[in-house]
């Protein structure tokens, strides 16, 4: 299961990067977040022997395991929400995601996936 989730993470990240390169920013941050989450599923399965079946629990566990990336994870969640729903949270102002936020999101996901792969390989 670990390899399937990590492979999915890499494929989702590649899709996000391809869209970004084509200049189509809609959905890029959402795909990048999905890549992050799939990588986290791989990590939690490897370390805990199970995955958490909600975004919130998965995100909380990820922050425990990868504490130095906590700010990046919060940023990724925000840009994901803006990308998918047009705002950070229910009731907040609608806005567009900026090209810089999209680029930063991709960069954050790449960094986190590299670290997750390192941890998984060390655990093997």
PDB file of N, CA and C in Angstrom:
ATOM      1  N   UNK A   1       0.823  -1.199   0.000  1.00  0.00           N
ATOM      2  CA  UNK A   1       0.000   0.000   0.000  1.00  0.00           C
ATOM      3  C   UNK A   1       0.866   1.262   0.000  1.00  0.00           C
ATOM      4  N   UNK A   2       1.981   1.229   0.702  1.00  0.00           N
ATOM      5  CA  UNK A   2       2.845   2.400   0.775  1.00  0.00           C
ATOM      6  C   UNK A   2       3.285   2.828  -0.617  1.00  0.00           C
ATOM      7  N   UNK A   3       3.725   1.897  -1.423  1.00  0.00           N
ATOM      8  CA  UNK A   3       4.220   2.244  -2.751  1.00  0.00           C
ATOM      9  C   UNK A   3       3.125   2.809  -3.640  1.00  0.00           C
ATOM     10  N   UNK A   4       1.919   2.297  -3.518  1.00  0.00           N
ATOM     11  CA  UNK A   4       0.804   2.794  -4.324  1.00  0.00           C
ATOM     12  C   UNK A   4       0.513   4.254  -3.982  1.00  0.00           C
ATOM     13  N   UNK A   5       0.468   4.578  -2.700  1.00  0.00           N
ATOM     14  CA  UNK A   5       0.194   5.954  -2.288  1.00  0.00           C
ATOM     15  C   UNK A   5       1.303   6.901  -2.725  1.00  0.00           C
ATOM     16  N   UNK A   6       2.551   6.485  -2.609  1.00  0.00           N
ATOM     17  CA  UNK A   6       3.656   7.353  -3.014  1.00  0.00           C
ATOM     18  C   UNK A   6       3.678   7.516  -4.531  1.00  0.00           C
ATOM     19  N   UNK A   7       3.386   6.448  -5.250  1.00  0.00           N
ATOM     20  CA  UNK A   7       3.321   6.546  -6.707  1.00  0.00           C
ATOM     21  C   UNK A   7       2.210   7.513  -7.116  1.00  0.00           C
ATOM     22  N   UNK A   8       1.063   7.427  -6.445  1.00  0.00           N
ATOM     23  CA  UNK A   8      -0.040   8.350  -6.708  1.00  0.00           C
ATOM     24  C   UNK A   8       0.397   9.784  -6.417  1.00  0.00           C
ATOM     25  N   UNK A   9       1.108   9.980  -5.321  1.00  0.00           N
ATOM     26  CA  UNK A   9       1.587  11.317  -4.960  1.00  0.00           C
ATOM     27  C   UNK A   9       2.458  11.899  -6.066  1.00  0.00           C
ATOM     28  N   UNK A  10       3.364  11.105  -6.567  1.00  0.00           N
ATOM     29  CA  UNK A  10       4.259  11.574  -7.632  1.00  0.00           C
ATOM     30  C   UNK A  10       3.493  11.873  -8.914  1.00  0.00           C
ATOM     31  N   UNK A  11       2.518  11.033  -9.238  1.00  0.00           N
ATOM     32  CA  UNK A  11       1.712  11.265 -10.450  1.00  0.00           C
ATOM     33  C   UNK A  11       0.861  12.517 -10.320  1.00  0.00           C
ATOM     34  N   UNK A  12       0.269  12.736  -9.153  1.00  0.00           N
ATOM     35  CA  UNK A  12      -0.524  13.950  -8.931  1.00  0.00           C
ATOM     36  C   UNK A  12       0.347  15.199  -9.005  1.00  0.00           C
ATOM     37  N   UNK A  13       1.538  15.128  -8.422  1.00  0.00           N
ATOM     38  CA  UNK A  13       2.456  16.259  -8.483  1.00  0.00           C
ATOM     39  C   UNK A  13       2.863  16.532  -9.929  1.00  0.00           C
ATOM     40  N   UNK A  14       3.128  15.488 -10.688  1.00  0.00           N
ATOM     41  CA  UNK A  14       3.483  15.655 -12.095  1.00  0.00           C
ATOM     42  C   UNK A  14       2.336  16.306 -12.865  1.00  0.00           C
ATOM     43  N   UNK A  15       1.109  15.880 -12.596  1.00  0.00           N
ATOM     44  CA  UNK A  15      -0.055  16.496 -13.251  1.00  0.00           C
ATOM     45  C   UNK A  15      -0.157  17.978 -12.906  1.00  0.00           C
ATOM     46  N   UNK A  16       0.060  18.296 -11.640  1.00  0.00           N
ATOM     47  CA  UNK A  16       0.022  19.695 -11.206  1.00  0.00           C
ATOM     48  C   UNK A  16       1.109  20.509 -11.910  1.00  0.00           C
ATOM     49  N   UNK A  17       2.301  19.949 -11.984  1.00  0.00           N
ATOM     50  CA  UNK A  17       3.407  20.652 -12.650  1.00  0.00           C
ATOM     51  C   UNK A  17       3.120  20.843 -14.143  1.00  0.00           C
ATOM     52  N   UNK A  18       2.544  19.821 -14.778  1.00  0.00           N
ATOM     53  CA  UNK A  18       2.220  19.926 -16.199  1.00  0.00           C
ATOM     54  C   UNK A  18       1.199  21.036 -16.453  1.00  0.00           C
ATOM     55  N   UNK A  19       0.157  21.092 -15.637  1.00  0.00           N
ATOM     56  CA  UNK A  19      -0.838  22.166 -15.773  1.00  0.00           C
ATOM     57  C   UNK A  19      -0.188  23.534 -15.582  1.00  0.00           C
ATOM     58  N   UNK A  20       0.659  23.617 -14.570  1.00  0.00           N
ATOM     59  CA  UNK A  20       1.349  24.884 -14.275  1.00  0.00           C
ATOM     60  C   UNK A  20       2.193  25.320 -15.465  1.00  0.00           C
ATOM     61  N   UNK A  21       2.935  24.387 -16.037  1.00  0.00           N
ATOM     62  CA  UNK A  21       3.788  24.706 -17.189  1.00  0.00           C
ATOM     63  C   UNK A  21       2.966  25.173 -18.389  1.00  0.00           C
ATOM     64  N   UNK A  22       1.737  24.665 -18.508  1.00  0.00           N
ATOM     65  CA  UNK A  22       0.847  25.061 -19.606  1.00  0.00           C
ATOM     66  C   UNK A  22       0.156  26.392 -19.321  1.00  0.00           C
ATOM     67  N   UNK A  23       0.370  26.936 -18.117  1.00  0.00           N
ATOM     68  CA  UNK A  23      -0.237  28.210 -17.762  1.00  0.00           C
ATOM     69  C   UNK A  23      -1.664  28.094 -17.270  1.00  0.00           C
ATOM     70  N   UNK A  24      -2.127  26.877 -17.059  1.00  0.00           N
ATOM     71  CA  UNK A  24      -3.487  26.640 -16.569  1.00  0.00           C
ATOM     72  C   UNK A  24      -3.414  26.467 -15.059  1.00  0.00           C
ATOM     73  N   UNK A  25      -3.661  27.556 -14.310  1.00  0.00           N
ATOM     74  CA  UNK A  25      -3.462  27.528 -12.863  1.00  0.00           C
ATOM     75  C   UNK A  25      -4.634  26.920 -12.089  1.00  0.00           C
ATOM     76  N   UNK A  26      -5.812  26.864 -12.704  1.00  0.00           N
ATOM     77  CA  UNK A  26      -6.974  26.308 -12.007  1.00  0.00           C
ATOM     78  C   UNK A  26      -6.737  24.835 -11.694  1.00  0.00           C
ATOM     79  N   UNK A  27      -6.821  24.505 -10.433  1.00  0.00           N
ATOM     80  CA  UNK A  27      -6.658  23.120 -10.009  1.00  0.00           C
ATOM     81  C   UNK A  27      -5.246  22.720  -9.631  1.00  0.00           C
ATOM     82  N   UNK A  28      -4.258  23.527  -9.964  1.00  0.00           N
ATOM     83  CA  UNK A  28      -2.869  23.159  -9.685  1.00  0.00           C
ATOM     84  C   UNK A  28      -2.631  23.012  -8.185  1.00  0.00           C
ATOM     85  N   UNK A  29      -3.053  23.985  -7.393  1.00  0.00           N
ATOM     86  CA  UNK A  29      -2.834  23.909  -5.948  1.00  0.00           C
ATOM     87  C   UNK A  29      -3.614  22.743  -5.340  1.00  0.00           C
ATOM     88  N   UNK A  30      -4.804  22.487  -5.863  1.00  0.00           N
ATOM     89  CA  UNK A  30      -5.593  21.360  -5.381  1.00  0.00           C
ATOM     90  C   UNK A  30      -4.917  20.033  -5.684  1.00  0.00           C
ATOM     91  N   UNK A  31      -4.395  19.887  -6.891  1.00  0.00           N
ATOM     92  CA  UNK A  31      -3.661  18.674  -7.247  1.00  0.00           C
ATOM     93  C   UNK A  31      -2.392  18.529  -6.404  1.00  0.00           C
ATOM     94  N   UNK A  32      -1.702  19.635  -6.194  1.00  0.00           N
ATOM     95  CA  UNK A  32      -0.492  19.601  -5.366  1.00  0.00           C
ATOM     96  C   UNK A  32      -0.845  19.151  -3.946  1.00  0.00           C
ATOM     97  N   UNK A  33      -1.952  19.663  -3.409  1.00  0.00           N
ATOM     98  CA  UNK A  33      -2.368  19.247  -2.069  1.00  0.00           C
ATOM     99  C   UNK A  33      -2.725  17.762  -2.065  1.00  0.00           C
ATOM    100  N   UNK A  34      -3.397  17.291  -3.104  1.00  0.00           N
ATOM    101  CA  UNK A  34      -3.735  15.871  -3.185  1.00  0.00           C
ATOM    102  C   UNK A  34      -2.463  15.021  -3.224  1.00  0.00           C
ATOM    103  N   UNK A  35      -1.427  15.508  -3.899  1.00  0.00           N
ATOM    104  CA  UNK A  35      -0.139  14.808  -3.924  1.00  0.00           C
ATOM    105  C   UNK A  35       0.462  14.755  -2.522  1.00  0.00           C
ATOM    106  N   UNK A  36       0.437  15.884  -1.826  1.00  0.00           N
ATOM    107  CA  UNK A  36       0.919  15.944  -0.445  1.00  0.00           C
ATOM    108  C   UNK A  36       0.168  14.937   0.419  1.00  0.00           C
ATOM    109  N   UNK A  37      -1.147  14.942   0.302  1.00  0.00           N
ATOM    110  CA  UNK A  37      -1.959  14.069   1.149  1.00  0.00           C
ATOM    111  C   UNK A  37      -1.704  12.592   0.843  1.00  0.00           C
ATOM    112  N   UNK A  38      -1.529  12.251  -0.404  1.00  0.00           N
ATOM    113  CA  UNK A  38      -1.237  10.868  -0.758  1.00  0.00           C
ATOM    114  C   UNK A  38       0.122  10.439  -0.186  1.00  0.00           C
ATOM    115  N   UNK A  39       1.092  11.346  -0.231  1.00  0.00           N
ATOM    116  CA  UNK A  39       2.407  11.051   0.366  1.00  0.00           C
ATOM    117  C   UNK A  39       2.281  10.869   1.879  1.00  0.00           C
ATOM    118  N   UNK A  40       1.456  11.688   2.508  1.00  0.00           N
ATOM    119  CA  UNK A  40       1.219  11.549   3.953  1.00  0.00           C
ATOM    120  C   UNK A  40       0.558  10.210   4.254  1.00  0.00           C
ATOM    121  N   UNK A  41      -0.375   9.782   3.414  1.00  0.00           N
ATOM    122  CA  UNK A  41      -1.012   8.482   3.593  1.00  0.00           C
ATOM    123  C   UNK A  41       0.037   7.378   3.559  1.00  0.00           C
ATOM    124  N   UNK A  42       0.997   7.501   2.662  1.00  0.00           N
ATOM    125  CA  UNK A  42       2.079   6.539   2.560  1.00  0.00           C
ATOM    126  C   UNK A  42       2.914   6.516   3.839  1.00  0.00           C
ATOM    127  N   UNK A  43       3.213   7.706   4.344  1.00  0.00           N
ATOM    128  CA  UNK A  43       4.024   7.817   5.561  1.00  0.00           C
ATOM    129  C   UNK A  43       3.292   7.288   6.788  1.00  0.00           C
ATOM    130  N   UNK A  44       2.035   7.664   6.963  1.00  0.00           N
ATOM    131  CA  UNK A  44       1.309   7.199   8.149  1.00  0.00           C
ATOM    132  C   UNK A  44       1.093   5.691   8.094  1.00  0.00           C
ATOM    133  N   UNK A  45       0.873   5.158   6.911  1.00  0.00           N
ATOM    134  CA  UNK A  45       0.726   3.712   6.782  1.00  0.00           C
ATOM    135  C   UNK A  45       2.030   3.005   7.151  1.00  0.00           C
ATOM    136  N   UNK A  46       3.138   3.570   6.714  1.00  0.00           N
ATOM    137  CA  UNK A  46       4.446   2.965   7.002  1.00  0.00           C
ATOM    138  C   UNK A  46       4.774   3.038   8.495  1.00  0.00           C
ATOM    139  N   UNK A  47       4.561   4.184   9.111  1.00  0.00           N
ATOM    140  CA  UNK A  47       4.953   4.375  10.508  1.00  0.00           C
ATOM    141  C   UNK A  47       3.911   3.815  11.473  1.00  0.00           C
ATOM    142  N   UNK A  48       2.630   4.052  11.208  1.00  0.00           N
ATOM    143  CA  UNK A  48       1.567   3.671  12.139  1.00  0.00           C
ATOM    144  C   UNK A  48       0.872   2.371  11.774  1.00  0.00           C
ATOM    145  N   UNK A  49       1.097   1.896  10.547  1.00  0.00           N
ATOM    146  CA  UNK A  49       0.397   0.704  10.092  1.00  0.00           C
ATOM    147  C   UNK A  49      -1.037   0.985   9.698  1.00  0.00           C
ATOM    148  N   UNK A  50      -1.412   2.251   9.624  1.00  0.00           N
ATOM    149  CA  UNK A  50      -2.771   2.626   9.226  1.00  0.00           C
ATOM    150  C   UNK A  50      -2.763   4.062   8.734  1.00  0.00           C
ATOM    151  N   UNK A  51      -3.827   4.409   8.050  1.00  0.00           N
ATOM    152  CA  UNK A  51      -4.017   5.775   7.588  1.00  0.00           C
ATOM    153  C   UNK A  51      -5.148   6.383   8.406  1.00  0.00           C
ATOM    154  N   UNK A  52      -5.188   7.693   8.455  1.00  0.00           N
ATOM    155  CA  UNK A  52      -6.274   8.415   9.112  1.00  0.00           C
ATOM    156  C   UNK A  52      -7.298   8.771   8.043  1.00  0.00           C
ATOM    157  N   UNK A  53      -8.555   8.524   8.304  1.00  0.00           N
ATOM    158  CA  UNK A  53      -9.570   8.628   7.258  1.00  0.00           C
ATOM    159  C   UNK A  53     -10.299   9.964   7.238  1.00  0.00           C
ATOM    160  N   UNK A  54      -9.595  11.022   7.574  1.00  0.00           N
ATOM    161  CA  UNK A  54     -10.153  12.366   7.411  1.00  0.00           C
ATOM    162  C   UNK A  54      -9.007  13.330   7.150  1.00  0.00           C
ATOM    163  N   UNK A  55      -9.326  14.398   6.417  1.00  0.00           N
ATOM    164  CA  UNK A  55      -8.301  15.421   6.133  1.00  0.00           C
ATOM    165  C   UNK A  55      -7.713  15.956   7.433  1.00  0.00           C
ATOM    166  N   UNK A  56      -8.586  16.280   8.369  1.00  0.00           N
ATOM    167  CA  UNK A  56      -8.154  16.913   9.614  1.00  0.00           C
ATOM    168  C   UNK A  56      -7.195  16.016  10.400  1.00  0.00           C
ATOM    169  N   UNK A  57      -7.564  14.755  10.603  1.00  0.00           N
ATOM    170  CA  UNK A  57      -6.703  13.854  11.367  1.00  0.00           C
ATOM    171  C   UNK A  57      -5.392  13.585  10.639  1.00  0.00           C
ATOM    172  N   UNK A  58      -5.479  13.432   9.333  1.00  0.00           N
ATOM    173  CA  UNK A  58      -4.269  13.189   8.543  1.00  0.00           C
ATOM    174  C   UNK A  58      -3.329  14.392   8.638  1.00  0.00           C
ATOM    175  N   UNK A  59      -3.917  15.587   8.541  1.00  0.00           N
ATOM    176  CA  UNK A  59      -3.114  16.812   8.615  1.00  0.00           C
ATOM    177  C   UNK A  59      -2.479  16.971  10.002  1.00  0.00           C
ATOM    178  N   UNK A  60      -3.230  16.680  11.054  1.00  0.00           N
ATOM    179  CA  UNK A  60      -2.683  16.773  12.411  1.00  0.00           C
ATOM    180  C   UNK A  60      -1.517  15.804  12.605  1.00  0.00           C
ATOM    181  N   UNK A  61      -1.676  14.573  12.132  1.00  0.00           N
ATOM    182  CA  UNK A  61      -0.599  13.582  12.263  1.00  0.00           C
ATOM    183  C   UNK A  61       0.609  13.999  11.431  1.00  0.00           C
ATOM    184  N   UNK A  62       0.365  14.537  10.249  1.00  0.00           N
ATOM    185  CA  UNK A  62       1.473  14.995   9.406  1.00  0.00           C
ATOM    186  C   UNK A  62       2.268  16.078  10.115  1.00  0.00           C
ATOM    187  N   UNK A  63       1.570  16.979  10.813  1.00  0.00           N
ATOM    188  CA  UNK A  63       2.260  18.052  11.534  1.00  0.00           C
ATOM    189  C   UNK A  63       3.113  17.489  12.668  1.00  0.00           C
ATOM    190  N   UNK A  64       2.690  16.398  13.280  1.00  0.00           N
ATOM    191  CA  UNK A  64       3.487  15.757  14.327  1.00  0.00           C
ATOM    192  C   UNK A  64       4.739  15.117  13.734  1.00  0.00           C
ATOM    193  N   UNK A  65       4.572  14.433  12.605  1.00  0.00           N
ATOM    194  CA  UNK A  65       5.687  13.696  12.006  1.00  0.00           C
ATOM    195  C   UNK A  65       6.668  14.601  11.264  1.00  0.00           C
ATOM    196  N   UNK A  66       6.165  15.699  10.725  1.00  0.00           N
ATOM    197  CA  UNK A  66       6.988  16.604   9.908  1.00  0.00           C
ATOM    198  C   UNK A  66       6.878  18.025  10.454  1.00  0.00           C
ATOM    199  N   UNK A  67       7.174  18.185  11.718  1.00  0.00           N
ATOM    200  CA  UNK A  67       6.927  19.459  12.402  1.00  0.00           C
ATOM    201  C   UNK A  67       7.643  20.650  11.765  1.00  0.00           C
ATOM    202  N   UNK A  68       8.776  20.431  11.144  1.00  0.00           N
ATOM    203  CA  UNK A  68       9.478  21.571  10.541  1.00  0.00           C
ATOM    204  C   UNK A  68       8.763  22.103   9.298  1.00  0.00           C
ATOM    205  N   UNK A  69       7.777  21.359   8.800  1.00  0.00           N
ATOM    206  CA  UNK A  69       7.004  21.785   7.632  1.00  0.00           C
ATOM    207  C   UNK A  69       5.593  22.244   8.010  1.00  0.00           C
ATOM    208  N   UNK A  70       5.346  22.470   9.286  1.00  0.00           N
ATOM    209  CA  UNK A  70       4.001  22.809   9.743  1.00  0.00           C
ATOM    210  C   UNK A  70       3.446  24.051   9.040  1.00  0.00           C
ATOM    211  N   UNK A  71       4.245  25.098   8.926  1.00  0.00           N
ATOM    212  CA  UNK A  71       3.786  26.316   8.252  1.00  0.00           C
ATOM    213  C   UNK A  71       3.465  26.050   6.779  1.00  0.00           C
ATOM    214  N   UNK A  72       4.276  25.220   6.140  1.00  0.00           N
ATOM    215  CA  UNK A  72       4.028  24.868   4.736  1.00  0.00           C
ATOM    216  C   UNK A  72       2.711  24.118   4.602  1.00  0.00           C
ATOM    217  N   UNK A  73       2.434  23.228   5.550  1.00  0.00           N
ATOM    218  CA  UNK A  73       1.187  22.464   5.491  1.00  0.00           C
ATOM    219  C   UNK A  73      -0.024  23.379   5.663  1.00  0.00           C
ATOM    220  N   UNK A  74       0.079  24.345   6.567  1.00  0.00           N
ATOM    221  CA  UNK A  74      -1.011  25.315   6.736  1.00  0.00           C
ATOM    222  C   UNK A  74      -1.216  26.118   5.455  1.00  0.00           C
ATOM    223  N   UNK A  75      -0.113  26.534   4.838  1.00  0.00           N
ATOM    224  CA  UNK A  75      -0.183  27.269   3.574  1.00  0.00           C
ATOM    225  C   UNK A  75      -0.831  26.413   2.487  1.00  0.00           C
ATOM    226  N   UNK A  76      -0.422  25.152   2.387  1.00  0.00           N
ATOM    227  CA  UNK A  76      -0.986  24.263   1.376  1.00  0.00           C
ATOM    228  C   UNK A  76      -2.493  24.090   1.552  1.00  0.00           C
ATOM    229  N   UNK A  77      -2.925  23.966   2.811  1.00  0.00           N
ATOM    230  CA  UNK A  77      -4.362  23.824   3.078  1.00  0.00           C
ATOM    231  C   UNK A  77      -5.115  25.076   2.630  1.00  0.00           C
ATOM    232  N   UNK A  78      -4.548  26.250   2.905  1.00  0.00           N
ATOM    233  CA  UNK A  78      -5.199  27.498   2.511  1.00  0.00           C
ATOM    234  C   UNK A  78      -5.301  27.633   0.997  1.00  0.00           C
ATOM    235  N   UNK A  79      -4.204  27.374   0.284  1.00  0.00           N
ATOM    236  CA  UNK A  79      -4.258  27.543  -1.174  1.00  0.00           C
ATOM    237  C   UNK A  79      -5.128  26.463  -1.815  1.00  0.00           C
ATOM    238  N   UNK A  80      -5.182  25.291  -1.226  1.00  0.00           N
ATOM    239  CA  UNK A  80      -6.087  24.245  -1.698  1.00  0.00           C
ATOM    240  C   UNK A  80      -7.526  24.740  -1.614  1.00  0.00           C
ATOM    241  N   UNK A  81      -7.881  25.299  -0.470  1.00  0.00           N
ATOM    242  CA  UNK A  81      -9.249  25.784  -0.280  1.00  0.00           C
ATOM    243  C   UNK A  81      -9.587  26.925  -1.236  1.00  0.00           C
ATOM    244  N   UNK A  82      -8.639  27.834  -1.423  1.00  0.00           N
ATOM    245  CA  UNK A  82      -8.867  28.941  -2.359  1.00  0.00           C
ATOM    246  C   UNK A  82      -9.036  28.386  -3.774  1.00  0.00           C
ATOM    247  N   UNK A  83      -8.186  27.443  -4.145  1.00  0.00           N
ATOM    248  CA  UNK A  83      -8.242  26.839  -5.474  1.00  0.00           C
ATOM    249  C   UNK A  83      -9.580  26.133  -5.694  1.00  0.00           C
ATOM    250  N   UNK A  84     -10.015  25.354  -4.730  1.00  0.00           N
ATOM    251  CA  UNK A  84     -11.250  24.577  -4.886  1.00  0.00           C
ATOM    252  C   UNK A  84     -12.517  25.392  -4.650  1.00  0.00           C
ATOM    253  N   UNK A  85     -12.500  26.261  -3.639  1.00  0.00           N
ATOM    254  CA  UNK A  85     -13.729  26.906  -3.194  1.00  0.00           C
ATOM    255  C   UNK A  85     -13.752  28.425  -3.349  1.00  0.00           C
ATOM    256  N   UNK A  86     -12.601  29.018  -3.605  1.00  0.00           N
ATOM    257  CA  UNK A  86     -12.547  30.464  -3.787  1.00  0.00           C
ATOM    258  C   UNK A  86     -12.323  31.248  -2.511  1.00  0.00           C
ATOM    259  N   UNK A  87     -12.178  30.558  -1.383  1.00  0.00           N
ATOM    260  CA  UNK A  87     -11.872  31.253  -0.125  1.00  0.00           C
ATOM    261  C   UNK A  87     -11.135  30.298   0.820  1.00  0.00           C
ATOM    262  N   UNK A  88     -10.541  30.873   1.849  1.00  0.00           N
ATOM    263  CA  UNK A  88      -9.756  30.086   2.798  1.00  0.00           C
ATOM    264  C   UNK A  88     -10.667  29.218   3.651  1.00  0.00           C
ATOM    265  N   UNK A  89     -11.801  29.775   4.064  1.00  0.00           N
ATOM    266  CA  UNK A  89     -12.762  29.015   4.869  1.00  0.00           C
ATOM    267  C   UNK A  89     -14.153  29.602   4.648  1.00  0.00           C
ATOM    268  N   UNK A  90     -15.147  28.852   5.045  1.00  0.00           N
ATOM    269  CA  UNK A  90     -16.532  29.298   4.913  1.00  0.00           C
ATOM    270  C   UNK A  90     -16.723  30.669   5.536  1.00  0.00           C
ATOM    271  N   UNK A  91     -17.375  31.537   4.804  1.00  0.00           N
ATOM    272  CA  UNK A  91     -17.676  32.867   5.317  1.00  0.00           C
ATOM    273  C   UNK A  91     -16.609  33.910   5.051  1.00  0.00           C
ATOM    274  N   UNK A  92     -15.413  33.486   4.646  1.00  0.00           N
ATOM    275  CA  UNK A  92     -14.373  34.480   4.360  1.00  0.00           C
ATOM    276  C   UNK A  92     -14.533  34.996   2.936  1.00  0.00           C
ATOM    277  N   UNK A  93     -13.880  36.093   2.651  1.00  0.00           N
ATOM    278  CA  UNK A  93     -13.983  36.726   1.339  1.00  0.00           C
ATOM    279  C   UNK A  93     -13.483  35.805   0.236  1.00  0.00           C
ATOM    280  N   UNK A  94     -14.137  35.886  -0.908  1.00  0.00           N
ATOM    281  CA  UNK A  94     -13.711  35.137  -2.090  1.00  0.00           C
ATOM    282  C   UNK A  94     -12.523  35.849  -2.723  1.00  0.00           C
ATOM    283  N   UNK A  95     -11.609  35.062  -3.252  1.00  0.00           N
ATOM    284  CA  UNK A  95     -10.476  35.644  -3.966  1.00  0.00           C
ATOM    285  C   UNK A  95      -9.858  34.612  -4.888  1.00  0.00           C
ATOM    286  N   UNK A  96      -9.062  35.075  -5.809  1.00  0.00           N
ATOM    287  CA  UNK A  96      -8.339  34.202  -6.729  1.00  0.00           C
ATOM    288  C   UNK A  96      -6.997  33.825  -6.118  1.00  0.00           C
ATOM    289  N   UNK A  97      -6.531  32.664  -6.454  1.00  0.00           N
ATOM    290  CA  UNK A  97      -5.198  32.248  -6.029  1.00  0.00           C
ATOM    291  C   UNK A  97      -4.184  32.904  -6.968  1.00  0.00           C
ATOM    292  N   UNK A  98      -3.082  33.389  -6.420  1.00  0.00           N
ATOM    293  CA  UNK A  98      -2.095  34.082  -7.247  1.00  0.00           C
ATOM    294  C   UNK A  98      -1.116  33.075  -7.867  1.00  0.00           C
ATOM    295  N   UNK A  99      -0.499  33.455  -8.983  1.00  0.00           N
ATOM    296  CA  UNK A  99       0.515  32.585  -9.589  1.00  0.00           C
ATOM    297  C   UNK A  99       1.660  32.282  -8.605  1.00  0.00           C
ATOM    298  N   UNK A 100       2.028  33.253  -7.782  1.00  0.00           N
ATOM    299  CA  UNK A 100       3.100  33.038  -6.802  1.00  0.00           C
ATOM    300  C   UNK A 100       2.682  32.003  -5.756  1.00  0.00           C
ATOM    301  N   UNK A 101       1.425  32.055  -5.320  1.00  0.00           N
ATOM    302  CA  UNK A 101       0.938  31.063  -4.354  1.00  0.00           C
ATOM    303  C   UNK A 101       0.955  29.662  -4.971  1.00  0.00           C
ATOM    304  N   UNK A 102       0.592  29.570  -6.236  1.00  0.00           N
ATOM    305  CA  UNK A 102       0.619  28.280  -6.924  1.00  0.00           C
ATOM    306  C   UNK A 102       2.049  27.750  -6.969  1.00  0.00           C
ATOM    307  N   UNK A 103       2.992  28.595  -7.357  1.00  0.00           N
ATOM    308  CA  UNK A 103       4.397  28.181  -7.423  1.00  0.00           C
ATOM    309  C   UNK A 103       4.929  27.783  -6.052  1.00  0.00           C
ATOM    310  N   UNK A 104       4.596  28.569  -5.037  1.00  0.00           N
ATOM    311  CA  UNK A 104       5.034  28.236  -3.680  1.00  0.00           C
ATOM    312  C   UNK A 104       4.436  26.912  -3.217  1.00  0.00           C
ATOM    313  N   UNK A 105       3.177  26.671  -3.559  1.00  0.00           N
ATOM    314  CA  UNK A 105       2.539  25.408  -3.195  1.00  0.00           C
ATOM    315  C   UNK A 105       3.241  24.221  -3.828  1.00  0.00           C
ATOM    316  N   UNK A 106       3.547  24.325  -5.104  1.00  0.00           N
ATOM    317  CA  UNK A 106       4.274  23.247  -5.784  1.00  0.00           C
ATOM    318  C   UNK A 106       5.626  23.000  -5.127  1.00  0.00           C
ATOM    319  N   UNK A 107       6.339  24.077  -4.825  1.00  0.00           N
ATOM    320  CA  UNK A 107       7.652  23.958  -4.193  1.00  0.00           C
ATOM    321  C   UNK A 107       7.543  23.262  -2.825  1.00  0.00           C
ATOM    322  N   UNK A 108       6.560  23.664  -2.035  1.00  0.00           N
ATOM    323  CA  UNK A 108       6.363  23.055  -0.709  1.00  0.00           C
ATOM    324  C   UNK A 108       6.085  21.562  -0.819  1.00  0.00           C
ATOM    325  N   UNK A 109       5.211  21.200  -1.744  1.00  0.00           N
ATOM    326  CA  UNK A 109       4.870  19.783  -1.898  1.00  0.00           C
ATOM    327  C   UNK A 109       6.087  18.978  -2.321  1.00  0.00           C
ATOM    328  N   UNK A 110       6.873  19.501  -3.252  1.00  0.00           N
ATOM    329  CA  UNK A 110       8.089  18.799  -3.672  1.00  0.00           C
ATOM    330  C   UNK A 110       9.014  18.551  -2.484  1.00  0.00           C
ATOM    331  N   UNK A 111       9.232  19.574  -1.674  1.00  0.00           N
ATOM    332  CA  UNK A 111      10.116  19.445  -0.510  1.00  0.00           C
ATOM    333  C   UNK A 111       9.591  18.405   0.478  1.00  0.00           C
ATOM    334  N   UNK A 112       8.302  18.437   0.729  1.00  0.00           N
ATOM    335  CA  UNK A 112       7.712  17.511   1.695  1.00  0.00           C
ATOM    336  C   UNK A 112       7.776  16.083   1.172  1.00  0.00           C
ATOM    337  N   UNK A 113       7.496  15.881  -0.112  1.00  0.00           N
ATOM    338  CA  UNK A 113       7.551  14.525  -0.677  1.00  0.00           C
ATOM    339  C   UNK A 113       8.960  13.965  -0.608  1.00  0.00           C
ATOM    340  N   UNK A 114       9.966  14.784  -0.879  1.00  0.00           N
ATOM    341  CA  UNK A 114      11.357  14.319  -0.769  1.00  0.00           C
ATOM    342  C   UNK A 114      11.648  13.871   0.666  1.00  0.00           C
ATOM    343  N   UNK A 115      11.211  14.654   1.642  1.00  0.00           N
ATOM    344  CA  UNK A 115      11.447  14.275   3.037  1.00  0.00           C
ATOM    345  C   UNK A 115      10.703  13.001   3.408  1.00  0.00           C
ATOM    346  N   UNK A 116       9.467  12.867   2.956  1.00  0.00           N
ATOM    347  CA  UNK A 116       8.694  11.665   3.253  1.00  0.00           C
ATOM    348  C   UNK A 116       9.374  10.432   2.659  1.00  0.00           C
ATOM    349  N   UNK A 117       9.840  10.544   1.426  1.00  0.00           N
ATOM    350  CA  UNK A 117      10.550   9.418   0.810  1.00  0.00           C
ATOM    351  C   UNK A 117      11.795   9.040   1.605  1.00  0.00           C
ATOM    352  N   UNK A 118      12.515  10.045   2.085  1.00  0.00           N
ATOM    353  CA  UNK A 118      13.708   9.785   2.899  1.00  0.00           C
ATOM    354  C   UNK A 118      13.332   9.027   4.166  1.00  0.00           C
ATOM    355  N   UNK A 119      12.286   9.472   4.850  1.00  0.00           N
ATOM    356  CA  UNK A 119      11.846   8.819   6.088  1.00  0.00           C
ATOM    357  C   UNK A 119      11.416   7.389   5.792  1.00  0.00           C
ATOM    358  N   UNK A 120      10.637   7.186   4.753  1.00  0.00           N
ATOM    359  CA  UNK A 120      10.171   5.838   4.420  1.00  0.00           C
ATOM    360  C   UNK A 120      11.343   4.921   4.109  1.00  0.00           C
ATOM    361  N   UNK A 121      12.317   5.424   3.363  1.00  0.00           N
ATOM    362  CA  UNK A 121      13.477   4.601   3.012  1.00  0.00           C
ATOM    363  C   UNK A 121      14.313   4.264   4.246  1.00  0.00           C
ATOM    364  N   UNK A 122      14.388   5.190   5.203  1.00  0.00           N
ATOM    365  CA  UNK A 122      15.130   4.918   6.441  1.00  0.00           C
ATOM    366  C   UNK A 122      14.406   3.900   7.311  1.00  0.00           C
ATOM    367  N   UNK A 123      13.080   3.884   7.253  1.00  0.00           N
ATOM    368  CA  UNK A 123      12.265   2.961   8.051  1.00  0.00           C
ATOM    369  C   UNK A 123      12.303   1.541   7.476  1.00  0.00           C
ATOM    370  N   UNK A 124      12.671   1.420   6.191  1.00  0.00           N
ATOM    371  CA  UNK A 124      12.644   0.093   5.533  1.00  0.00           C
ATOM    372  C   UNK A 124      13.799  -0.780   5.946  1.00  0.00           C
TER     373      UNK A 124
END
